[in-house]
Amino acid sequence: MNDAADYTKRFAARPQPLTLEQAARMTPPTRATDTEAQIDVPRMRAWRLNRLREQIAAHGLDAVILAEPLSIRYATGVRNCALFQMHILAGYLFVPAGGPVVYFDSEPGRSTGSQLETIDEVRSDHLPLSYMFAGARQQEMAHRWAAQMADLLTAHCGGGARVGIDRIGFCARLLFFGLAG
């Protein structure tokens, strides 16, 4: 029988506890670095918004409506959502190819958005789109949201505007594109 088949033998020495001095010598040095101070964050936000507007124009659109928190954060820098909320539709953003960026959210999103140079207008007439927030009134909220977005499009892009939407509730999408009553 070889050593590998002999289960009574111990192959590794039992680990011995380290002293504080030994542990300190083995631990690599760490330091906290404030990377935000090394990055021109307002310039980065402006670049991202301009890049989005370039893509809006490149795709023949007049505006986009963003509801995905990650998309809103990329476009404007709004970061009011905790990690568990990053995929829950809480607020939404209207970005025309040219013109004011309008952000809709409840508190604390409005106060966060109002501090950013990438957002021209923060509105409090935010409507809940997800079932989590609208509940049984989801279809009613979707009707109101579709009218709200149509008014914005008409005011900032004119009639017959082409719009891109990243992600919204199914009811709102149907109503916005006139596919439901």
N, C-alpha and C. Protein backbone atom coordinates (compact mmCIF):
# COMPACT_ATOMS: atom_id res chain seq x y z
N MET A 1 0.85 -1.17 0.00
CA MET A 1 0.00 0.00 0.00
C MET A 1 0.90 1.24 0.00
N ASN A 2 0.54 2.20 -0.86
CA ASN A 2 1.34 3.43 -0.87
C ASN A 2 0.75 4.44 0.12
N ASP A 3 1.49 5.54 0.31
CA ASP A 3 1.07 6.54 1.29
C ASP A 3 -0.26 7.19 0.95
N ALA A 4 -0.57 7.33 -0.35
CA ALA A 4 -1.81 8.00 -0.75
C ALA A 4 -3.03 7.19 -0.36
N ALA A 5 -2.90 5.88 -0.27
CA ALA A 5 -4.04 5.04 0.08
C ALA A 5 -4.13 4.80 1.58
N ASP A 6 -3.12 5.19 2.33
CA ASP A 6 -3.12 4.99 3.78
C ASP A 6 -3.77 6.21 4.44
N TYR A 7 -5.04 6.07 4.79
CA TYR A 7 -5.79 7.19 5.34
C TYR A 7 -5.48 7.46 6.81
N THR A 8 -4.65 6.65 7.40
CA THR A 8 -4.30 6.88 8.80
C THR A 8 -3.15 7.87 8.93
N LYS A 9 -2.38 8.08 7.86
CA LYS A 9 -1.25 9.00 7.91
C LYS A 9 -1.72 10.44 7.71
N ARG A 10 -1.05 11.32 8.36
CA ARG A 10 -1.31 12.74 8.16
C ARG A 10 -0.29 13.28 7.18
N PHE A 11 -0.78 14.01 6.18
CA PHE A 11 0.12 14.53 5.15
C PHE A 11 0.56 15.96 5.41
N ALA A 12 -0.23 16.69 6.15
CA ALA A 12 0.11 18.09 6.40
C ALA A 12 0.28 18.31 7.89
N ALA A 13 1.23 19.15 8.19
CA ALA A 13 1.43 19.50 9.59
C ALA A 13 0.27 20.37 10.05
N ARG A 14 -0.06 20.25 11.29
CA ARG A 14 -1.11 21.10 11.83
C ARG A 14 -0.63 22.55 11.84
N PRO A 15 -1.49 23.47 11.38
CA PRO A 15 -1.07 24.87 11.40
C PRO A 15 -0.94 25.38 12.83
N GLN A 16 0.08 26.15 13.04
CA GLN A 16 0.31 26.75 14.35
C GLN A 16 -0.16 28.20 14.31
N PRO A 17 -0.77 28.68 15.37
CA PRO A 17 -1.20 30.08 15.38
C PRO A 17 0.00 31.02 15.26
N LEU A 18 -0.23 32.12 14.55
CA LEU A 18 0.83 33.11 14.36
C LEU A 18 0.81 34.13 15.49
N THR A 19 1.98 34.65 15.76
CA THR A 19 2.04 35.77 16.69
C THR A 19 1.64 37.02 15.93
N LEU A 20 1.35 38.10 16.62
CA LEU A 20 0.99 39.35 15.96
C LEU A 20 2.13 39.86 15.08
N GLU A 21 3.37 39.69 15.55
CA GLU A 21 4.52 40.15 14.77
C GLU A 21 4.64 39.36 13.47
N GLN A 22 4.42 38.04 13.53
CA GLN A 22 4.50 37.21 12.33
C GLN A 22 3.39 37.60 11.34
N ALA A 23 2.19 37.79 11.86
CA ALA A 23 1.07 38.17 10.99
C ALA A 23 1.31 39.53 10.35
N ALA A 24 1.88 40.46 11.10
CA ALA A 24 2.16 41.80 10.56
C ALA A 24 3.18 41.73 9.44
N ARG A 25 4.19 40.87 9.57
CA ARG A 25 5.20 40.74 8.52
C ARG A 25 4.63 40.09 7.27
N MET A 26 3.64 39.22 7.42
CA MET A 26 3.07 38.51 6.27
C MET A 26 1.99 39.32 5.54
N THR A 27 1.38 40.27 6.22
CA THR A 27 0.28 41.04 5.64
C THR A 27 0.83 42.14 4.75
N PRO A 28 0.40 42.18 3.48
CA PRO A 28 0.90 43.25 2.61
C PRO A 28 0.36 44.60 3.06
N PRO A 29 1.12 45.65 2.85
CA PRO A 29 0.65 46.97 3.28
C PRO A 29 -0.55 47.40 2.44
N THR A 30 -1.50 48.03 3.09
CA THR A 30 -2.68 48.55 2.39
C THR A 30 -2.84 50.01 2.75
N ARG A 31 -3.45 50.72 1.85
CA ARG A 31 -3.75 52.11 2.14
C ARG A 31 -5.00 52.50 1.38
N ALA A 32 -5.76 53.36 1.97
CA ALA A 32 -6.98 53.85 1.32
C ALA A 32 -6.60 54.97 0.37
N THR A 33 -7.10 54.88 -0.84
CA THR A 33 -6.81 55.90 -1.84
C THR A 33 -8.12 56.48 -2.33
N ASP A 34 -8.24 57.79 -2.28
CA ASP A 34 -9.42 58.46 -2.78
C ASP A 34 -9.26 58.65 -4.28
N THR A 35 -9.87 57.74 -5.05
CA THR A 35 -9.71 57.82 -6.51
C THR A 35 -10.58 58.92 -7.11
N GLU A 36 -11.66 59.30 -6.42
CA GLU A 36 -12.52 60.34 -6.98
C GLU A 36 -11.78 61.67 -7.09
N ALA A 37 -10.84 61.91 -6.19
CA ALA A 37 -10.06 63.14 -6.26
C ALA A 37 -9.12 63.12 -7.47
N GLN A 38 -8.82 61.94 -7.99
CA GLN A 38 -7.93 61.82 -9.14
C GLN A 38 -8.67 61.87 -10.47
N ILE A 39 -10.00 61.82 -10.42
CA ILE A 39 -10.82 61.81 -11.63
C ILE A 39 -11.63 63.09 -11.69
N ASP A 40 -11.70 63.70 -12.84
CA ASP A 40 -12.53 64.88 -13.03
C ASP A 40 -13.96 64.39 -13.28
N VAL A 41 -14.71 64.16 -12.20
CA VAL A 41 -16.03 63.54 -12.28
C VAL A 41 -17.03 64.40 -13.08
N PRO A 42 -17.12 65.71 -12.87
CA PRO A 42 -18.04 66.50 -13.70
C PRO A 42 -17.72 66.39 -15.20
N ARG A 43 -16.44 66.37 -15.53
CA ARG A 43 -16.04 66.23 -16.94
C ARG A 43 -16.46 64.85 -17.47
N MET A 44 -16.31 63.81 -16.65
CA MET A 44 -16.70 62.46 -17.05
C MET A 44 -18.22 62.40 -17.28
N ARG A 45 -18.99 63.01 -16.37
CA ARG A 45 -20.45 63.01 -16.54
C ARG A 45 -20.85 63.74 -17.82
N ALA A 46 -20.21 64.87 -18.09
CA ALA A 46 -20.51 65.63 -19.31
C ALA A 46 -20.16 64.81 -20.55
N TRP A 47 -19.03 64.12 -20.52
CA TRP A 47 -18.63 63.29 -21.65
C TRP A 47 -19.65 62.19 -21.90
N ARG A 48 -20.10 61.54 -20.82
CA ARG A 48 -21.09 60.46 -20.97
C ARG A 48 -22.40 60.98 -21.55
N LEU A 49 -22.87 62.12 -21.06
CA LEU A 49 -24.12 62.68 -21.58
C LEU A 49 -23.96 63.07 -23.05
N ASN A 50 -22.84 63.68 -23.39
CA ASN A 50 -22.59 64.03 -24.80
C ASN A 50 -22.50 62.78 -25.67
N ARG A 51 -21.89 61.75 -25.16
CA ARG A 51 -21.80 60.48 -25.91
C ARG A 51 -23.20 59.90 -26.13
N LEU A 52 -24.04 59.95 -25.11
CA LEU A 52 -25.41 59.48 -25.26
C LEU A 52 -26.14 60.30 -26.32
N ARG A 53 -25.98 61.60 -26.28
CA ARG A 53 -26.64 62.46 -27.28
C ARG A 53 -26.13 62.19 -28.69
N GLU A 54 -24.85 61.91 -28.83
CA GLU A 54 -24.31 61.53 -30.14
C GLU A 54 -24.97 60.25 -30.64
N GLN A 55 -25.17 59.29 -29.74
CA GLN A 55 -25.80 58.03 -30.13
C GLN A 55 -27.28 58.21 -30.44
N ILE A 56 -27.94 59.11 -29.74
CA ILE A 56 -29.35 59.41 -30.03
C ILE A 56 -29.45 59.90 -31.47
N ALA A 57 -28.60 60.86 -31.82
CA ALA A 57 -28.61 61.40 -33.18
C ALA A 57 -28.18 60.35 -34.21
N ALA A 58 -27.16 59.56 -33.88
CA ALA A 58 -26.66 58.55 -34.82
C ALA A 58 -27.72 57.50 -35.15
N HIS A 59 -28.63 57.26 -34.23
CA HIS A 59 -29.69 56.27 -34.45
C HIS A 59 -30.98 56.89 -34.97
N GLY A 60 -30.91 58.16 -35.34
CA GLY A 60 -32.08 58.83 -35.92
C GLY A 60 -33.20 59.08 -34.94
N LEU A 61 -32.87 59.20 -33.67
CA LEU A 61 -33.88 59.46 -32.65
C LEU A 61 -33.88 60.93 -32.27
N ASP A 62 -34.99 61.36 -31.70
CA ASP A 62 -35.09 62.72 -31.20
C ASP A 62 -34.84 62.79 -29.70
N ALA A 63 -35.07 61.68 -29.02
CA ALA A 63 -34.89 61.63 -27.57
C ALA A 63 -34.85 60.18 -27.11
N VAL A 64 -34.39 59.98 -25.88
CA VAL A 64 -34.51 58.68 -25.22
C VAL A 64 -35.13 58.90 -23.84
N ILE A 65 -35.80 57.86 -23.39
CA ILE A 65 -36.34 57.84 -22.04
C ILE A 65 -35.67 56.68 -21.34
N LEU A 66 -34.98 56.98 -20.25
CA LEU A 66 -34.26 55.96 -19.50
C LEU A 66 -34.98 55.72 -18.17
N ALA A 67 -35.19 54.46 -17.85
CA ALA A 67 -35.81 54.12 -16.58
C ALA A 67 -34.93 53.18 -15.76
N GLU A 68 -34.01 52.52 -16.41
CA GLU A 68 -33.09 51.61 -15.73
C GLU A 68 -32.11 52.44 -14.89
N PRO A 69 -32.04 52.20 -13.56
CA PRO A 69 -31.15 53.01 -12.72
C PRO A 69 -29.70 53.04 -13.18
N LEU A 70 -29.20 51.94 -13.72
CA LEU A 70 -27.81 51.93 -14.20
C LEU A 70 -27.65 52.84 -15.42
N SER A 71 -28.64 52.88 -16.28
CA SER A 71 -28.59 53.76 -17.45
C SER A 71 -28.66 55.23 -17.02
N ILE A 72 -29.52 55.52 -16.06
CA ILE A 72 -29.64 56.89 -15.55
C ILE A 72 -28.33 57.32 -14.90
N ARG A 73 -27.73 56.42 -14.16
CA ARG A 73 -26.46 56.76 -13.52
C ARG A 73 -25.38 57.01 -14.56
N TYR A 74 -25.32 56.19 -15.60
CA TYR A 74 -24.32 56.40 -16.65
C TYR A 74 -24.54 57.75 -17.32
N ALA A 75 -25.79 58.05 -17.67
CA ALA A 75 -26.08 59.27 -18.44
C ALA A 75 -25.88 60.55 -17.65
N THR A 76 -26.16 60.52 -16.35
CA THR A 76 -26.16 61.77 -15.58
C THR A 76 -25.28 61.75 -14.34
N GLY A 77 -25.02 60.58 -13.80
CA GLY A 77 -24.26 60.49 -12.56
C GLY A 77 -25.14 60.36 -11.32
N VAL A 78 -26.46 60.31 -11.48
CA VAL A 78 -27.35 60.15 -10.32
C VAL A 78 -27.06 58.80 -9.69
N ARG A 79 -26.76 58.81 -8.41
CA ARG A 79 -26.50 57.55 -7.72
C ARG A 79 -27.18 57.56 -6.36
N ASN A 80 -28.49 57.50 -6.44
CA ASN A 80 -29.26 57.51 -5.21
C ASN A 80 -29.78 56.13 -4.84
N CYS A 81 -29.55 55.14 -5.68
CA CYS A 81 -30.09 53.81 -5.41
C CYS A 81 -29.06 52.93 -4.73
N ALA A 82 -29.52 52.22 -3.73
CA ALA A 82 -28.67 51.21 -3.10
C ALA A 82 -28.54 50.03 -4.06
N LEU A 83 -27.61 49.17 -3.79
CA LEU A 83 -27.34 48.05 -4.68
C LEU A 83 -28.58 47.22 -4.97
N PHE A 84 -29.40 46.95 -3.96
CA PHE A 84 -30.57 46.10 -4.18
C PHE A 84 -31.63 46.80 -5.02
N GLN A 85 -31.55 48.11 -5.18
CA GLN A 85 -32.52 48.84 -5.98
C GLN A 85 -32.03 49.13 -7.39
N MET A 86 -30.84 48.70 -7.74
CA MET A 86 -30.27 49.09 -9.02
C MET A 86 -31.02 48.53 -10.23
N HIS A 87 -31.96 47.63 -10.02
CA HIS A 87 -32.74 47.12 -11.15
C HIS A 87 -34.23 47.29 -10.93
N ILE A 88 -34.60 48.12 -9.97
CA ILE A 88 -36.01 48.42 -9.72
C ILE A 88 -36.29 49.78 -10.34
N LEU A 89 -37.31 49.85 -11.17
CA LEU A 89 -37.63 51.11 -11.83
C LEU A 89 -38.22 52.07 -10.81
N ALA A 90 -37.42 53.03 -10.39
CA ALA A 90 -37.87 53.99 -9.39
C ALA A 90 -38.09 55.36 -10.02
N GLY A 91 -37.15 55.85 -10.80
CA GLY A 91 -37.26 57.14 -11.46
C GLY A 91 -37.08 56.97 -12.95
N TYR A 92 -37.16 58.06 -13.69
CA TYR A 92 -36.92 57.99 -15.12
C TYR A 92 -36.37 59.32 -15.60
N LEU A 93 -35.75 59.27 -16.77
CA LEU A 93 -35.00 60.41 -17.29
C LEU A 93 -35.35 60.63 -18.75
N PHE A 94 -35.59 61.87 -19.11
CA PHE A 94 -35.88 62.26 -20.49
C PHE A 94 -34.65 62.99 -21.02
N VAL A 95 -34.06 62.44 -22.09
CA VAL A 95 -32.86 63.04 -22.68
C VAL A 95 -33.13 63.30 -24.16
N PRO A 96 -33.35 64.56 -24.55
CA PRO A 96 -33.51 64.85 -25.97
C PRO A 96 -32.13 64.96 -26.64
N ALA A 97 -32.11 64.85 -27.95
CA ALA A 97 -30.84 64.98 -28.68
C ALA A 97 -30.25 66.37 -28.45
N GLY A 98 -31.09 67.35 -28.28
CA GLY A 98 -30.67 68.70 -27.94
C GLY A 98 -31.76 69.31 -27.09
N GLY A 99 -31.41 69.88 -25.98
CA GLY A 99 -32.42 70.45 -25.10
C GLY A 99 -32.23 69.98 -23.68
N PRO A 100 -33.16 70.37 -22.80
CA PRO A 100 -32.98 70.08 -21.38
C PRO A 100 -33.18 68.61 -21.02
N VAL A 101 -32.33 68.14 -20.12
CA VAL A 101 -32.45 66.80 -19.55
C VAL A 101 -33.38 66.92 -18.36
N VAL A 102 -34.45 66.12 -18.36
CA VAL A 102 -35.47 66.20 -17.32
C VAL A 102 -35.48 64.90 -16.53
N TYR A 103 -35.35 65.01 -15.22
CA TYR A 103 -35.28 63.85 -14.33
C TYR A 103 -36.50 63.82 -13.43
N PHE A 104 -37.14 62.66 -13.36
CA PHE A 104 -38.31 62.45 -12.51
C PHE A 104 -37.93 61.42 -11.45
N ASP A 105 -38.14 61.76 -10.20
CA ASP A 105 -37.88 60.79 -9.13
C ASP A 105 -38.55 61.28 -7.85
N SER A 106 -38.64 60.39 -6.89
CA SER A 106 -39.11 60.76 -5.56
C SER A 106 -37.88 61.11 -4.73
N GLU A 107 -38.09 61.55 -3.51
CA GLU A 107 -36.95 61.81 -2.64
C GLU A 107 -36.31 60.49 -2.28
N PRO A 108 -35.02 60.34 -2.14
CA PRO A 108 -33.98 61.35 -2.19
C PRO A 108 -33.42 61.60 -3.59
N GLY A 109 -33.99 60.96 -4.59
CA GLY A 109 -33.48 61.11 -5.95
C GLY A 109 -33.52 62.54 -6.46
N ARG A 110 -34.58 63.27 -6.10
CA ARG A 110 -34.69 64.65 -6.58
C ARG A 110 -33.57 65.51 -6.01
N SER A 111 -33.28 65.35 -4.74
CA SER A 111 -32.21 66.18 -4.15
C SER A 111 -30.85 65.77 -4.71
N THR A 112 -30.65 64.49 -4.98
CA THR A 112 -29.40 64.04 -5.58
C THR A 112 -29.27 64.59 -7.00
N GLY A 113 -30.34 64.48 -7.78
CA GLY A 113 -30.32 64.93 -9.16
C GLY A 113 -30.17 66.43 -9.30
N SER A 114 -30.73 67.19 -8.36
CA SER A 114 -30.68 68.65 -8.47
C SER A 114 -29.28 69.20 -8.27
N GLN A 115 -28.37 68.41 -7.73
CA GLN A 115 -27.00 68.86 -7.50
C GLN A 115 -26.08 68.61 -8.69
N LEU A 116 -26.59 67.93 -9.72
CA LEU A 116 -25.74 67.55 -10.84
C LEU A 116 -25.88 68.50 -12.01
N GLU A 117 -24.76 68.81 -12.63
CA GLU A 117 -24.74 69.72 -13.77
C GLU A 117 -25.30 69.08 -15.04
N THR A 118 -25.47 67.78 -15.05
CA THR A 118 -25.97 67.08 -16.22
C THR A 118 -27.49 67.08 -16.30
N ILE A 119 -28.16 67.50 -15.24
CA ILE A 119 -29.62 67.51 -15.21
C ILE A 119 -30.09 68.96 -15.18
N ASP A 120 -30.93 69.31 -16.16
CA ASP A 120 -31.41 70.68 -16.27
C ASP A 120 -32.67 70.93 -15.45
N GLU A 121 -33.50 69.92 -15.32
CA GLU A 121 -34.76 70.08 -14.60
C GLU A 121 -35.06 68.81 -13.82
N VAL A 122 -35.42 68.98 -12.55
CA VAL A 122 -35.82 67.86 -11.70
C VAL A 122 -37.29 68.06 -11.38
N ARG A 123 -38.09 67.07 -11.71
CA ARG A 123 -39.54 67.21 -11.52
C ARG A 123 -40.04 66.27 -10.44
N SER A 124 -41.02 66.76 -9.72
CA SER A 124 -41.59 65.97 -8.62
C SER A 124 -42.84 65.22 -9.03
N ASP A 125 -43.31 65.40 -10.27
CA ASP A 125 -44.52 64.68 -10.70
C ASP A 125 -44.17 63.29 -11.24
N HIS A 126 -43.35 62.62 -10.48
CA HIS A 126 -42.88 61.26 -10.78
C HIS A 126 -44.02 60.27 -10.63
N LEU A 127 -44.12 59.34 -11.57
CA LEU A 127 -45.17 58.32 -11.53
C LEU A 127 -44.54 56.94 -11.37
N PRO A 128 -45.05 56.12 -10.47
CA PRO A 128 -44.48 54.77 -10.31
C PRO A 128 -44.84 53.90 -11.51
N LEU A 129 -43.85 53.25 -12.09
CA LEU A 129 -44.09 52.41 -13.26
C LEU A 129 -44.10 50.92 -12.94
N SER A 130 -43.35 50.51 -11.94
CA SER A 130 -43.27 49.08 -11.65
C SER A 130 -44.42 48.65 -10.75
N TYR A 131 -44.74 47.39 -10.83
CA TYR A 131 -45.81 46.85 -9.98
C TYR A 131 -45.44 46.99 -8.51
N MET A 132 -44.15 46.94 -8.22
CA MET A 132 -43.70 47.06 -6.83
C MET A 132 -44.18 48.36 -6.20
N PHE A 133 -44.20 49.45 -6.98
CA PHE A 133 -44.61 50.75 -6.45
C PHE A 133 -46.04 51.12 -6.82
N ALA A 134 -46.53 50.69 -7.97
CA ALA A 134 -47.86 51.08 -8.42
C ALA A 134 -48.94 50.10 -7.98
N GLY A 135 -48.57 48.84 -7.80
CA GLY A 135 -49.55 47.84 -7.38
C GLY A 135 -50.68 47.70 -8.38
N ALA A 136 -51.89 47.65 -7.86
CA ALA A 136 -53.07 47.46 -8.71
C ALA A 136 -53.35 48.67 -9.59
N ARG A 137 -52.70 49.79 -9.32
CA ARG A 137 -52.89 51.01 -10.12
C ARG A 137 -51.86 51.12 -11.25
N GLN A 138 -51.19 50.03 -11.57
CA GLN A 138 -50.12 50.09 -12.57
C GLN A 138 -50.62 50.58 -13.93
N GLN A 139 -51.76 50.11 -14.37
CA GLN A 139 -52.26 50.53 -15.68
C GLN A 139 -52.63 52.02 -15.67
N GLU A 140 -53.23 52.48 -14.59
CA GLU A 140 -53.55 53.91 -14.46
C GLU A 140 -52.27 54.75 -14.51
N MET A 141 -51.25 54.31 -13.77
CA MET A 141 -49.98 55.04 -13.76
C MET A 141 -49.33 55.02 -15.15
N ALA A 142 -49.46 53.91 -15.84
CA ALA A 142 -48.90 53.81 -17.19
C ALA A 142 -49.58 54.79 -18.14
N HIS A 143 -50.91 54.94 -18.02
CA HIS A 143 -51.64 55.92 -18.83
C HIS A 143 -51.12 57.33 -18.56
N ARG A 144 -50.99 57.66 -17.30
CA ARG A 144 -50.53 59.00 -16.92
C ARG A 144 -49.09 59.23 -17.38
N TRP A 145 -48.25 58.20 -17.26
CA TRP A 145 -46.85 58.31 -17.68
C TRP A 145 -46.76 58.54 -19.19
N ALA A 146 -47.54 57.78 -19.96
CA ALA A 146 -47.51 57.92 -21.42
C ALA A 146 -47.91 59.34 -21.83
N ALA A 147 -48.91 59.91 -21.17
CA ALA A 147 -49.33 61.28 -21.47
C ALA A 147 -48.23 62.28 -21.07
N GLN A 148 -47.61 62.03 -19.94
CA GLN A 148 -46.53 62.90 -19.45
C GLN A 148 -45.36 62.91 -20.44
N MET A 149 -44.97 61.73 -20.92
CA MET A 149 -43.86 61.64 -21.87
C MET A 149 -44.23 62.24 -23.22
N ALA A 150 -45.47 62.04 -23.66
CA ALA A 150 -45.92 62.62 -24.93
C ALA A 150 -45.86 64.15 -24.86
N ASP A 151 -46.25 64.72 -23.72
CA ASP A 151 -46.18 66.17 -23.55
C ASP A 151 -44.73 66.66 -23.62
N LEU A 152 -43.82 65.93 -22.98
CA LEU A 152 -42.41 66.32 -23.02
C LEU A 152 -41.86 66.23 -24.44
N LEU A 153 -42.19 65.17 -25.13
CA LEU A 153 -41.71 65.01 -26.50
C LEU A 153 -42.22 66.13 -27.40
N THR A 154 -43.49 66.46 -27.27
CA THR A 154 -44.05 67.53 -28.08
C THR A 154 -43.39 68.86 -27.76
N ALA A 155 -43.19 69.13 -26.48
CA ALA A 155 -42.60 70.41 -26.06
C ALA A 155 -41.15 70.56 -26.50
N HIS A 156 -40.37 69.48 -26.44
CA HIS A 156 -38.93 69.60 -26.69
C HIS A 156 -38.47 69.05 -28.04
N CYS A 157 -39.31 68.23 -28.68
CA CYS A 157 -38.87 67.61 -29.93
C CYS A 157 -39.86 67.83 -31.08
N GLY A 158 -41.03 68.36 -30.78
CA GLY A 158 -42.03 68.56 -31.82
C GLY A 158 -42.86 67.31 -32.05
N GLY A 159 -43.85 67.45 -32.92
CA GLY A 159 -44.72 66.32 -33.23
C GLY A 159 -44.00 65.29 -34.09
N GLY A 160 -44.40 64.06 -33.98
CA GLY A 160 -43.82 62.98 -34.78
C GLY A 160 -42.40 62.61 -34.39
N ALA A 161 -42.02 62.91 -33.17
CA ALA A 161 -40.66 62.62 -32.71
C ALA A 161 -40.44 61.12 -32.57
N ARG A 162 -39.21 60.69 -32.85
CA ARG A 162 -38.82 59.29 -32.66
C ARG A 162 -38.11 59.19 -31.32
N VAL A 163 -38.52 58.21 -30.52
CA VAL A 163 -37.97 58.09 -29.17
C VAL A 163 -37.50 56.66 -28.92
N GLY A 164 -36.41 56.55 -28.18
CA GLY A 164 -35.91 55.25 -27.74
C GLY A 164 -36.18 55.12 -26.25
N ILE A 165 -36.54 53.92 -25.83
CA ILE A 165 -36.83 53.67 -24.42
C ILE A 165 -36.02 52.47 -23.98
N ASP A 166 -35.27 52.61 -22.88
CA ASP A 166 -34.41 51.49 -22.49
C ASP A 166 -35.19 50.38 -21.80
N ARG A 167 -36.00 50.67 -20.81
CA ARG A 167 -36.75 49.62 -20.13
C ARG A 167 -37.84 50.27 -19.31
N ILE A 168 -39.06 49.89 -19.57
CA ILE A 168 -40.19 50.35 -18.77
C ILE A 168 -41.14 49.18 -18.61
N GLY A 169 -42.13 49.35 -17.78
CA GLY A 169 -43.12 48.30 -17.60
C GLY A 169 -43.88 48.02 -18.89
N PHE A 170 -44.36 46.82 -19.02
CA PHE A 170 -45.05 46.39 -20.23
C PHE A 170 -46.27 47.27 -20.51
N CYS A 171 -47.06 47.58 -19.48
CA CYS A 171 -48.25 48.42 -19.67
C CYS A 171 -47.87 49.79 -20.22
N ALA A 172 -46.85 50.41 -19.64
CA ALA A 172 -46.44 51.74 -20.09
C ALA A 172 -45.95 51.70 -21.53
N ARG A 173 -45.22 50.66 -21.90
CA ARG A 173 -44.71 50.55 -23.27
C ARG A 173 -45.87 50.46 -24.26
N LEU A 174 -46.85 49.62 -23.95
CA LEU A 174 -48.01 49.47 -24.85
C LEU A 174 -48.76 50.78 -24.99
N LEU A 175 -48.98 51.45 -23.87
CA LEU A 175 -49.73 52.71 -23.91
C LEU A 175 -48.96 53.79 -24.64
N PHE A 176 -47.66 53.85 -24.41
CA PHE A 176 -46.86 54.89 -25.03
C PHE A 176 -46.87 54.76 -26.55
N PHE A 177 -46.79 53.56 -27.02
CA PHE A 177 -46.75 53.35 -28.46
C PHE A 177 -48.15 53.16 -29.05
N GLY A 178 -49.20 53.42 -28.25
CA GLY A 178 -50.57 53.40 -28.75
C GLY A 178 -51.10 52.03 -29.09
N LEU A 179 -50.59 51.00 -28.41
CA LEU A 179 -51.03 49.64 -28.72
C LEU A 179 -52.09 49.13 -27.77
N ALA A 180 -52.42 49.92 -26.74
CA ALA A 180 -53.43 49.48 -25.78
C ALA A 180 -54.39 50.64 -25.53
N GLY A 181 -55.55 50.31 -25.02
CA GLY A 181 -56.56 51.35 -24.77
C GLY A 181 -56.52 51.93 -23.42
